[in-house]
PDB file of N, CA and C in Angstrom:
ATOM      1  N   MET A   1       1.008  -1.336  -0.016  1.00  0.00           N
ATOM      2  CA  MET A   1      -0.549  -0.232   0.207  1.00  0.00           C
ATOM      3  C   MET A   1       0.864   1.349  -0.260  1.00  0.00           C
ATOM      4  N   GLN A   2       0.388   2.491  -0.748  1.00  0.00           N
ATOM      5  CA  GLN A   2       1.709   3.655  -1.410  1.00  0.00           C
ATOM      6  C   GLN A   2       0.175   5.358  -0.073  1.00  0.00           C
ATOM      7  N   ILE A   3       0.699   6.104  -0.249  1.00  0.00           N
ATOM      8  CA  ILE A   3       0.186   6.274   0.116  1.00  0.00           C
ATOM      9  C   ILE A   3       0.977   8.141  -0.136  1.00  0.00           C
ATOM     10  N   ARG A   4       0.043   8.134  -1.139  1.00  0.00           N
ATOM     11  CA  ARG A   4       0.706   9.692  -2.065  1.00  0.00           C
ATOM     12  C   ARG A   4      -0.005  10.795  -1.333  1.00  0.00           C
ATOM     13  N   ILE A   5       0.804  12.209  -0.778  1.00  0.00           N
ATOM     14  CA  ILE A   5       0.525  13.092  -0.702  1.00  0.00           C
ATOM     15  C   ILE A   5       0.948  14.108  -0.969  1.00  0.00           C
ATOM     16  N   GLU A   6       0.748  14.937  -1.408  1.00  0.00           N
ATOM     17  CA  GLU A   6       1.025  16.116  -2.648  1.00  0.00           C
ATOM     18  C   GLU A   6       0.640  17.583  -1.948  1.00  0.00           C
ATOM     19  N   ILE A   7       1.724  18.868  -1.290  1.00  0.00           N
ATOM     20  CA  ILE A   7       1.228  20.262  -1.328  1.00  0.00           C
ATOM     21  C   ILE A   7       1.159  21.182  -2.282  1.00  0.00           C
ATOM     22  N   ASP A   8       1.059  21.359  -2.563  1.00  0.00           N
ATOM     23  CA  ASP A   8       1.105  22.831  -3.605  1.00  0.00           C
ATOM     24  C   ASP A   8       1.115  24.003  -2.723  1.00  0.00           C
ATOM     25  N   VAL A   9       2.871  24.702  -1.947  1.00  0.00           N
ATOM     26  CA  VAL A   9       2.335  25.713  -1.078  1.00  0.00           C
ATOM     27  C   VAL A   9       3.516  26.812  -1.941  1.00  0.00           C
ATOM     28  N   LYS A  10       3.105  28.055  -2.029  1.00  0.00           N
ATOM     29  CA  LYS A  10       4.276  28.817  -2.673  1.00  0.00           C
ATOM     30  C   LYS A  10       5.840  28.732  -0.990  1.00  0.00           C
ATOM     31  N   PRO A  11       6.136  29.049  -1.464  1.00  0.00           N
ATOM     32  CA  PRO A  11       7.772  28.877  -0.210  1.00  0.00           C
ATOM     33  C   PRO A  11       7.239  30.402   1.177  1.00  0.00           C
ATOM     34  N   GLU A  12       6.896  30.814   1.350  1.00  0.00           N
ATOM     35  CA  GLU A  12       6.355  32.053   1.504  1.00  0.00           C
ATOM     36  C   GLU A  12       5.567  31.543   2.859  1.00  0.00           C
ATOM     37  N   GLU A  13       4.079  30.457   1.899  1.00  0.00           N
ATOM     38  CA  GLU A  13       3.067  30.535   2.552  1.00  0.00           C
ATOM     39  C   GLU A  13       3.960  29.173   3.955  1.00  0.00           C
ATOM     40  N   LEU A  14       5.321  28.233   2.977  1.00  0.00           N
ATOM     41  CA  LEU A  14       5.694  27.383   3.620  1.00  0.00           C
ATOM     42  C   LEU A  14       6.075  27.983   4.879  1.00  0.00           C
ATOM     43  N   ARG A  15       7.092  29.474   4.721  1.00  0.00           N
ATOM     44  CA  ARG A  15       7.153  29.364   5.972  1.00  0.00           C
ATOM     45  C   ARG A  15       6.504  30.879   7.765  1.00  0.00           C
ATOM     46  N   ARG A  16       5.321  31.035   6.760  1.00  0.00           N
ATOM     47  CA  ARG A  16       4.238  31.278   7.953  1.00  0.00           C
ATOM     48  C   ARG A  16       4.353  29.706   8.120  1.00  0.00           C
ATOM     49  N   PHE A  17       4.103  29.244   7.432  1.00  0.00           N
ATOM     50  CA  PHE A  17       3.241  27.583   8.187  1.00  0.00           C
ATOM     51  C   PHE A  17       3.664  27.184   9.100  1.00  0.00           C
ATOM     52  N   LEU A  18       5.145  26.893   8.501  1.00  0.00           N
ATOM     53  CA  LEU A  18       5.977  26.095  10.013  1.00  0.00           C
ATOM     54  C   LEU A  18       7.037  27.485  11.128  1.00  0.00           C
ATOM     55  N   GLY A  19       5.834  28.703  11.225  1.00  0.00           N
ATOM     56  CA  GLY A  19       6.549  29.649  11.829  1.00  0.00           C
ATOM     57  C   GLY A  19       8.421  30.200  11.799  1.00  0.00           C
ATOM     58  N   LEU A  20       8.891  29.946  10.057  1.00  0.00           N
ATOM     59  CA  LEU A  20      10.070  30.540  10.503  1.00  0.00           C
ATOM     60  C   LEU A  20       9.877  31.511   9.967  1.00  0.00           C
ATOM     61  N   PRO A  21      10.945  32.449  11.087  1.00  0.00           N
ATOM     62  CA  PRO A  21      10.798  33.983  10.556  1.00  0.00           C
ATOM     63  C   PRO A  21      10.830  34.964   8.773  1.00  0.00           C
ATOM     64  N   ASP A  22      10.154  36.271   8.924  1.00  0.00           N
ATOM     65  CA  ASP A  22      10.337  36.609   7.600  1.00  0.00           C
ATOM     66  C   ASP A  22      10.908  37.469   7.394  1.00  0.00           C
ATOM     67  N   VAL A  23      12.729  37.014   6.700  1.00  0.00           N
ATOM     68  CA  VAL A  23      13.972  36.987   6.698  1.00  0.00           C
ATOM     69  C   VAL A  23      14.388  37.741   5.279  1.00  0.00           C
ATOM     70  N   ALA A  24      13.391  37.969   4.040  1.00  0.00           N
ATOM     71  CA  ALA A  24      12.912  39.263   2.638  1.00  0.00           C
ATOM     72  C   ALA A  24      13.483  40.509   3.093  1.00  0.00           C
ATOM     73  N   GLY A  25      13.081  41.463   4.439  1.00  0.00           N
ATOM     74  CA  GLY A  25      13.095  42.370   5.179  1.00  0.00           C
ATOM     75  C   GLY A  25      15.517  42.234   4.795  1.00  0.00           C
ATOM     76  N   LEU A  26      15.164  40.450   5.330  1.00  0.00           N
ATOM     77  CA  LEU A  26      16.763  41.437   6.595  1.00  0.00           C
ATOM     78  C   LEU A  26      18.268  40.501   5.409  1.00  0.00           C
ATOM     79  N   GLN A  27      17.375  39.402   4.602  1.00  0.00           N
ATOM     80  CA  GLN A  27      18.173  40.209   2.547  1.00  0.00           C
ATOM     81  C   GLN A  27      18.170  40.781   1.577  1.00  0.00           C
ATOM     82  N   ASP A  28      17.068  42.025   1.918  1.00  0.00           N
ATOM     83  CA  ASP A  28      17.275  43.317   1.304  1.00  0.00           C
ATOM     84  C   ASP A  28      18.952  44.942   1.269  1.00  0.00           C
ATOM     85  N   ASP A  29      17.686  44.447   3.125  1.00  0.00           N
ATOM     86  CA  ASP A  29      19.548  45.250   3.510  1.00  0.00           C
ATOM     87  C   ASP A  29      20.766  44.504   3.725  1.00  0.00           C
ATOM     88  N   LEU A  30      22.152  43.324   3.915  1.00  0.00           N
ATOM     89  CA  LEU A  30      22.442  42.653   4.148  1.00  0.00           C
ATOM     90  C   LEU A  30      22.809  42.802   2.218  1.00  0.00           C
ATOM     91  N   LEU A  31      22.001  42.718   0.856  1.00  0.00           N
ATOM     92  CA  LEU A  31      22.522  43.236  -0.160  1.00  0.00           C
ATOM     93  C   LEU A  31      22.733  44.900  -0.371  1.00  0.00           C
ATOM     94  N   LYS A  32      22.179  46.122  -0.105  1.00  0.00           N
ATOM     95  CA  LYS A  32      21.976  47.115  -0.025  1.00  0.00           C
ATOM     96  C   LYS A  32      23.752  47.318   1.194  1.00  0.00           C
ATOM     97  N   PHE A  33      24.738  46.574   1.534  1.00  0.00           N
ATOM     98  CA  PHE A  33      25.107  46.435   2.196  1.00  0.00           C
ATOM     99  C   PHE A  33      26.280  46.020   1.607  1.00  0.00           C
ATOM    100  N   VAL A  34      25.990  45.287   0.731  1.00  0.00           N
ATOM    101  CA  VAL A  34      27.288  44.787   0.470  1.00  0.00           C
ATOM    102  C   VAL A  34      27.543  45.395  -1.601  1.00  0.00           C
ATOM    103  N   ARG A  35      26.869  46.005  -2.351  1.00  0.00           N
ATOM    104  CA  ARG A  35      26.506  46.488  -2.455  1.00  0.00           C
ATOM    105  C   ARG A  35      27.199  48.174  -2.957  1.00  0.00           C
ATOM    106  N   ASP A  36      27.514  48.786  -1.341  1.00  0.00           N
ATOM    107  CA  ASP A  36      27.861  49.665  -0.719  1.00  0.00           C
ATOM    108  C   ASP A  36      28.693  49.707  -0.580  1.00  0.00           C
ATOM    109  N   LYS A  37      29.509  48.454  -0.110  1.00  0.00           N
ATOM    110  CA  LYS A  37      31.023  48.129  -0.191  1.00  0.00           C
ATOM    111  C   LYS A  37      31.239  47.536  -1.255  1.00  0.00           C
ATOM    112  N   VAL A  38      30.645  47.366  -2.075  1.00  0.00           N
ATOM    113  CA  VAL A  38      31.588  47.539  -3.770  1.00  0.00           C
ATOM    114  C   VAL A  38      31.627  48.743  -4.589  1.00  0.00           C
ATOM    115  N   ASP A  39      30.949  49.847  -4.180  1.00  0.00           N
ATOM    116  CA  ASP A  39      30.934  50.500  -4.715  1.00  0.00           C
ATOM    117  C   ASP A  39      32.362  51.675  -4.122  1.00  0.00           C
ATOM    118  N   GLN A  40      31.632  51.254  -2.844  1.00  0.00           N
ATOM    119  CA  GLN A  40      33.053  52.717  -2.355  1.00  0.00           C
ATOM    120  C   GLN A  40      34.551  51.482  -3.292  1.00  0.00           C
ATOM    121  N   VAL A  41      34.740  50.657  -2.855  1.00  0.00           N
ATOM    122  CA  VAL A  41      35.880  49.458  -3.709  1.00  0.00           C
ATOM    123  C   VAL A  41      36.188  50.017  -5.107  1.00  0.00           C
ATOM    124  N   ASN A  42      34.884  50.113  -5.383  1.00  0.00           N
ATOM    125  CA  ASN A  42      34.949  50.694  -6.808  1.00  0.00           C
ATOM    126  C   ASN A  42      35.874  52.058  -6.613  1.00  0.00           C
ATOM    127  N   GLU A  43      35.547  52.351  -6.168  1.00  0.00           N
ATOM    128  CA  GLU A  43      36.447  54.395  -6.180  1.00  0.00           C
ATOM    129  C   GLU A  43      38.023  54.659  -5.784  1.00  0.00           C
ATOM    130  N   THR A  44      38.628  53.783  -4.995  1.00  0.00           N
ATOM    131  CA  THR A  44      39.368  53.846  -4.437  1.00  0.00           C
ATOM    132  C   THR A  44      40.023  52.248  -5.242  1.00  0.00           C
ATOM    133  N   PHE A  45      39.149  51.770  -6.136  1.00  0.00           N
ATOM    134  CA  PHE A  45      40.648  50.363  -6.923  1.00  0.00           C
ATOM    135  C   PHE A  45      41.332  50.864  -8.149  1.00  0.00           C
ATOM    136  N   ASN A  46      42.630  50.534  -7.569  1.00  0.00           N
ATOM    137  CA  ASN A  46      43.433  50.771  -8.980  1.00  0.00           C
ATOM    138  C   ASN A  46      43.752  49.837 -10.139  1.00  0.00           C
ATOM    139  N   PRO A  47      43.995  49.411 -10.686  1.00  0.00           N
ATOM    140  CA  PRO A  47      44.323  47.795 -10.938  1.00  0.00           C
ATOM    141  C   PRO A  47      45.515  47.238 -11.273  1.00  0.00           C
ATOM    142  N   GLY A  48      45.994  48.830 -11.702  1.00  0.00           N
ATOM    143  CA  GLY A  48      48.117  48.500 -11.493  1.00  0.00           C
ATOM    144  C   GLY A  48      48.589  48.231 -10.415  1.00  0.00           C
ATOM    145  N   ASP A  49      48.402  48.721  -8.931  1.00  0.00           N
ATOM    146  CA  ASP A  49      48.684  47.534  -8.268  1.00  0.00           C
ATOM    147  C   ASP A  49      48.417  47.046  -8.123  1.00  0.00           C
ATOM    148  N   PHE A  50      47.243  46.769  -7.224  1.00  0.00           N
ATOM    149  CA  PHE A  50      46.654  45.069  -8.170  1.00  0.00           C
ATOM    150  C   PHE A  50      47.494  44.249  -7.978  1.00  0.00           C
ATOM    151  N   VAL A  51      47.607  44.454  -9.245  1.00  0.00           N
ATOM    152  CA  VAL A  51      47.695  43.553  -9.993  1.00  0.00           C
ATOM    153  C   VAL A  51      49.578  43.430  -9.732  1.00  0.00           C
ATOM    154  N   LYS A  52      49.867  44.578 -10.158  1.00  0.00           N
ATOM    155  CA  LYS A  52      52.011  44.474  -9.408  1.00  0.00           C
ATOM    156  C   LYS A  52      51.831  44.406  -8.522  1.00  0.00           C
ATOM    157  N   GLY A  53      51.246  43.997  -7.095  1.00  0.00           N
ATOM    158  CA  GLY A  53      51.372  44.055  -5.888  1.00  0.00           C
ATOM    159  C   GLY A  53      51.100  41.779  -5.879  1.00  0.00           C
ATOM    160  N   ASN A  54      50.321  41.495  -6.393  1.00  0.00           N
ATOM    161  CA  ASN A  54      50.223  40.009  -6.518  1.00  0.00           C
ATOM    162  C   ASN A  54      51.373  39.430  -7.047  1.00  0.00           C
ATOM    163  N   PHE A  55      51.614  40.135  -8.317  1.00  0.00           N
ATOM    164  CA  PHE A  55      52.781  39.545  -8.728  1.00  0.00           C
ATOM    165  C   PHE A  55      53.792  39.290  -8.478  1.00  0.00           C
ATOM    166  N   ASP A  56      54.719  40.067  -7.703  1.00  0.00           N
ATOM    167  CA  ASP A  56      55.683  40.495  -7.437  1.00  0.00           C
ATOM    168  C   ASP A  56      55.276  39.388  -6.311  1.00  0.00           C
ATOM    169  N   GLN A  57      54.462  39.365  -4.824  1.00  0.00           N
ATOM    170  CA  GLN A  57      54.398  37.843  -3.852  1.00  0.00           C
ATOM    171  C   GLN A  57      54.221  36.473  -5.302  1.00  0.00           C
ATOM    172  N   LEU A  58      53.831  36.502  -6.659  1.00  0.00           N
ATOM    173  CA  LEU A  58      53.614  34.862  -7.162  1.00  0.00           C
ATOM    174  C   LEU A  58      55.470  34.463  -7.577  1.00  0.00           C
ATOM    175  N   ARG A  59      56.023  35.655  -7.974  1.00  0.00           N
ATOM    176  CA  ARG A  59      57.522  35.561  -8.205  1.00  0.00           C
ATOM    177  C   ARG A  59      58.185  35.278  -7.415  1.00  0.00           C
ATOM    178  N   GLN A  60      57.783  35.336  -6.332  1.00  0.00           N
ATOM    179  CA  GLN A  60      58.896  35.329  -4.744  1.00  0.00           C
ATOM    180  C   GLN A  60      58.167  33.312  -4.332  1.00  0.00           C
ATOM    181  N   SER A  61      57.649  32.949  -5.120  1.00  0.00           N
ATOM    182  CA  SER A  61      56.957  31.712  -4.247  1.00  0.00           C
ATOM    183  C   SER A  61      57.292  29.997  -5.622  1.00  0.00           C
ATOM    184  N   PRO A  62      57.531  29.067  -4.023  1.00  0.00           N
ATOM    185  CA  PRO A  62      58.869  28.276  -5.077  1.00  0.00           C
ATOM    186  C   PRO A  62      57.864  27.500  -6.085  1.00  0.00           C
ATOM    187  N   ALA A  63      56.720  27.329  -6.009  1.00  0.00           N
ATOM    188  CA  ALA A  63      56.197  27.697  -7.712  1.00  0.00           C
ATOM    189  C   ALA A  63      55.879  28.005  -8.658  1.00  0.00           C
ATOM    190  N   TRP A  64      56.449  29.089  -8.548  1.00  0.00           N
ATOM    191  CA  TRP A  64      56.389  30.016  -9.967  1.00  0.00           C
ATOM    192  C   TRP A  64      58.305  30.131  -9.981  1.00  0.00           C
ATOM    193  N   LYS A  65      58.427  29.403  -9.503  1.00  0.00           N
ATOM    194  CA  LYS A  65      60.390  29.686  -9.499  1.00  0.00           C
ATOM    195  C   LYS A  65      60.798  27.912 -10.263  1.00  0.00           C
ATOM    196  N   ARG A  66      59.655  27.457  -9.753  1.00  0.00           N
ATOM    197  CA  ARG A  66      60.436  25.944 -10.737  1.00  0.00           C
ATOM    198  C   ARG A  66      59.149  25.893 -11.766  1.00  0.00           C
ATOM    199  N   LEU A  67      58.291  26.289 -12.340  1.00  0.00           N
ATOM    200  CA  LEU A  67      58.203  26.424 -13.592  1.00  0.00           C
ATOM    201  C   LEU A  67      59.255  27.741 -14.279  1.00  0.00           C
ATOM    202  N   MET A  68      59.011  28.480 -13.950  1.00  0.00           N
ATOM    203  CA  MET A  68      60.505  29.352 -14.875  1.00  0.00           C
ATOM    204  C   MET A  68      60.896  28.289 -15.279  1.00  0.00           C
ATOM    205  N   THR A  69      61.702  27.627 -14.336  1.00  0.00           N
ATOM    206  CA  THR A  69      63.097  26.428 -14.341  1.00  0.00           C
ATOM    207  C   THR A  69      62.564  25.687 -16.233  1.00  0.00           C
ATOM    208  N   ARG A  70      61.776  24.894 -15.268  1.00  0.00           N
ATOM    209  CA  ARG A  70      61.235  24.312 -16.104  1.00  0.00           C
ATOM    210  C   ARG A  70      60.780  24.292 -17.403  1.00  0.00           C
ATOM    211  N   LEU A  71      60.481  25.937 -18.071  1.00  0.00           N
ATOM    212  CA  LEU A  71      60.144  26.512 -18.977  1.00  0.00           C
ATOM    213  C   LEU A  71      61.400  26.818 -19.965  1.00  0.00           C
ATOM    214  N   ALA A  72      62.758  27.505 -19.271  1.00  0.00           N
ATOM    215  CA  ALA A  72      63.531  28.019 -19.608  1.00  0.00           C
ATOM    216  C   ALA A  72      64.762  27.261 -20.392  1.00  0.00           C
ATOM    217  N   VAL A  73      64.454  25.565 -19.415  1.00  0.00           N
ATOM    218  CA  VAL A  73      64.814  24.211 -19.763  1.00  0.00           C
ATOM    219  C   VAL A  73      64.328  24.021 -21.456  1.00  0.00           C
ATOM    220  N   ASN A  74      63.523  23.347 -21.425  1.00  0.00           N
ATOM    221  CA  ASN A  74      62.702  23.330 -22.131  1.00  0.00           C
ATOM    222  C   ASN A  74      62.324  24.226 -23.959  1.00  0.00           C
ATOM    223  N   ILE A  75      62.254  25.618 -23.397  1.00  0.00           N
ATOM    224  CA  ILE A  75      62.653  26.110 -24.264  1.00  0.00           C
ATOM    225  C   ILE A  75      64.612  26.362 -24.976  1.00  0.00           C
ATOM    226  N   GLU A  76      65.549  25.819 -23.956  1.00  0.00           N
ATOM    227  CA  GLU A  76      66.878  25.838 -24.384  1.00  0.00           C
ATOM    228  C   GLU A  76      66.817  24.769 -25.130  1.00  0.00           C
ATOM    229  N   ASP A  77      66.148  23.570 -24.387  1.00  0.00           N
ATOM    230  CA  ASP A  77      66.225  22.213 -25.801  1.00  0.00           C
ATOM    231  C   ASP A  77      65.277  22.407 -27.372  1.00  0.00           C
ATOM    232  N   ALA A  78      63.796  23.020 -26.915  1.00  0.00           N
ATOM    233  CA  ALA A  78      63.663  24.039 -28.108  1.00  0.00           C
ATOM    234  C   ALA A  78      64.334  24.098 -29.019  1.00  0.00           C
ATOM    235  N   GLU A  79      64.941  25.353 -29.007  1.00  0.00           N
ATOM    236  CA  GLU A  79      66.062  26.369 -29.375  1.00  0.00           C
ATOM    237  C   GLU A  79      67.851  25.559 -29.811  1.00  0.00           C
ATOM    238  N   ALA A  80      67.496  24.259 -29.530  1.00  0.00           N
ATOM    239  CA  ALA A  80      69.042  23.428 -29.431  1.00  0.00           C
ATOM    240  C   ALA A  80      68.783  22.902 -30.852  1.00  0.00           C
ATOM    241  N   ALA A  81      67.669  21.978 -30.137  1.00  0.00           N
ATOM    242  CA  ALA A  81      66.827  20.940 -31.640  1.00  0.00           C
ATOM    243  C   ALA A  81      66.742  21.313 -33.089  1.00  0.00           C
ATOM    244  N   ALA A  82      66.319  23.141 -32.827  1.00  0.00           N
ATOM    245  CA  ALA A  82      66.264  23.340 -33.939  1.00  0.00           C
ATOM    246  C   ALA A  82      67.610  24.282 -34.364  1.00  0.00           C
ATOM    247  N   ALA A  83      67.437  24.631 -33.658  1.00  0.00           N
ATOM    248  CA  ALA A  83      69.483  24.700 -34.999  1.00  0.00           C
ATOM    249  C   ALA A  83      70.196  23.352 -34.813  1.00  0.00           C
ATOM    250  N   ALA A  84      70.071  22.390 -34.347  1.00  0.00           N
ATOM    251  CA  ALA A  84      70.305  20.890 -35.299  1.00  0.00           C
ATOM    252  C   ALA A  84      69.788  19.902 -35.987  1.00  0.00           C
ATOM    253  N   GLU A  85      68.573  21.086 -36.340  1.00  0.00           N
ATOM    254  CA  GLU A  85      68.015  19.625 -37.300  1.00  0.00           C
ATOM    255  C   GLU A  85      68.218  20.421 -38.483  1.00  0.00           C
ATOM    256  N   THR A  86      68.070  19.145 -39.349  1.00  0.00           N
ATOM    257  CA  THR A  86      68.794  18.732 -40.954  1.00  0.00           C
ATOM    258  C   THR A  86      66.762  18.193 -41.194  1.00  0.00           C
ATOM    259  N   PRO A  87      66.925  18.206 -42.797  1.00  0.00           N
ATOM    260  CA  PRO A  87      65.566  17.681 -43.391  1.00  0.00           C
ATOM    261  C   PRO A  87      65.614  16.814 -43.629  1.00  0.00           C
ATOM    262  N   ALA A  88      66.270  15.351 -43.096  1.00  0.00           N
ATOM    263  CA  ALA A  88      65.805  14.357 -43.010  1.00  0.00           C
ATOM    264  C   ALA A  88      65.913  13.779 -41.124  1.00  0.00           C
ATOM    265  N   LYS A  89      65.657  14.503 -40.536  1.00  0.00           N
ATOM    266  CA  LYS A  89      65.774  14.019 -39.399  1.00  0.00           C
ATOM    267  C   LYS A  89      64.827  15.433 -38.189  1.00  0.00           C
ATOM    268  N   ALA A  90      64.169  15.449 -38.890  1.00  0.00           N
ATOM    269  CA  ALA A  90      62.853  16.621 -39.078  1.00  0.00           C
ATOM    270  C   ALA A  90      61.922  16.222 -38.309  1.00  0.00           C
ATOM    271  N   GLY A  91      62.380  14.492 -38.223  1.00  0.00           N
ATOM    272  CA  GLY A  91      60.381  14.135 -37.755  1.00  0.00           C
ATOM    273  C   GLY A  91      61.288  13.438 -36.747  1.00  0.00           C
ATOM    274  N   ARG A  92      62.387  13.764 -35.797  1.00  0.00           N
ATOM    275  CA  ARG A  92      62.257  13.124 -34.558  1.00  0.00           C
ATOM    276  C   ARG A  92      63.523  14.213 -33.848  1.00  0.00           C
ATOM    277  N   ARG A  93      63.258  14.606 -32.655  1.00  0.00           N
ATOM    278  CA  ARG A  93      63.739  16.017 -32.165  1.00  0.00           C
ATOM    279  C   ARG A  93      63.190  15.231 -31.002  1.00  0.00           C
ATOM    280  N   LYS A  94      64.087  15.210 -30.104  1.00  0.00           N
ATOM    281  CA  LYS A  94      64.141  14.981 -28.775  1.00  0.00           C
ATOM    282  C   LYS A  94      65.169  15.880 -27.673  1.00  0.00           C
ATOM    283  N   THR A  95      63.705  15.627 -26.295  1.00  0.00           N
ATOM    284  CA  THR A  95      63.768  16.818 -25.849  1.00  0.00           C
ATOM    285  C   THR A  95      63.880  16.480 -24.171  1.00  0.00           C
ATOM    286  N   ARG A  96      65.031  17.396 -23.255  1.00  0.00           N
ATOM    287  CA  ARG A  96      65.171  17.110 -22.178  1.00  0.00           C
ATOM    288  C   ARG A  96      64.471  17.865 -20.843  1.00  0.00           C
ATOM    289  N   ARG A  97      63.102  16.643 -19.759  1.00  0.00           N
ATOM    290  CA  ARG A  97      63.266  16.772 -18.590  1.00  0.00           C
ATOM    291  C   ARG A  97      63.485  18.050 -17.992  1.00  0.00           C
ATOM    292  N   ALA A  98      63.520  18.581 -17.248  1.00  0.00           N
ATOM    293  CA  ALA A  98      64.178  19.759 -15.944  1.00  0.00           C
ATOM    294  C   ALA A  98      64.379  18.486 -14.427  1.00  0.00           C
ATOM    295  N   PRO A  99      65.518  18.573 -13.755  1.00  0.00           N
ATOM    296  CA  PRO A  99      65.686  17.589 -13.006  1.00  0.00           C
ATOM    297  C   PRO A  99      64.864  17.499 -12.131  1.00  0.00           C
ATOM    298  N   ARG A 100      63.796  17.079 -11.785  1.00  0.00           N
ATOM    299  CA  ARG A 100      63.171  16.702 -10.184  1.00  0.00           C
ATOM    300  C   ARG A 100      63.913  16.498  -8.841  1.00  0.00           C
ATOM    301  N   LYS A 101      63.025  17.367  -8.493  1.00  0.00           N
ATOM    302  CA  LYS A 101      64.280  17.624  -7.447  1.00  0.00           C
ATOM    303  C   LYS A 101      63.171  16.796  -5.635  1.00  0.00           C
ATOM    304  N   LYS A 102      64.358  16.045  -5.158  1.00  0.00           N
ATOM    305  CA  LYS A 102      64.015  15.378  -4.253  1.00  0.00           C
ATOM    306  C   LYS A 102      63.056  15.842  -3.015  1.00  0.00           C
ATOM    307  N   PRO A 103      62.076  15.197  -2.066  1.00  0.00           N
ATOM    308  CA  PRO A 103      61.007  15.801  -1.415  1.00  0.00           C
ATOM    309  C   PRO A 103      61.741  15.627   0.359  1.00  0.00           C
ATOM    310  N   ALA A 104      62.720  17.162   0.355  1.00  0.00           N
ATOM    311  CA  ALA A 104      63.059  16.554   1.700  1.00  0.00           C
ATOM    312  C   ALA A 104      61.990  16.228   3.117  1.00  0.00           C
TER     313      ALA A 104
END
């Protein structure tokens, strides 16, 4: 035996029925506050300073240094292979990977 009950109510009606508080006014106030704060930041925001400051921090990170080292090695290998490549060896290229550091 199966019993199925369907209740068709709007969210506002269900909140009132369950005795939950009406938070619509609170949501409106919160959105207005956030919009005001974003507008204040937009007036004083300088993208150049933001990018420069964050990029300086990025360049000091170990992950950035590893990436740059690997790119430099790959570029050097590609340039060396292109300089040494003859038409007969056009299909074969040897690439060298950057050495991996052992975990500390």
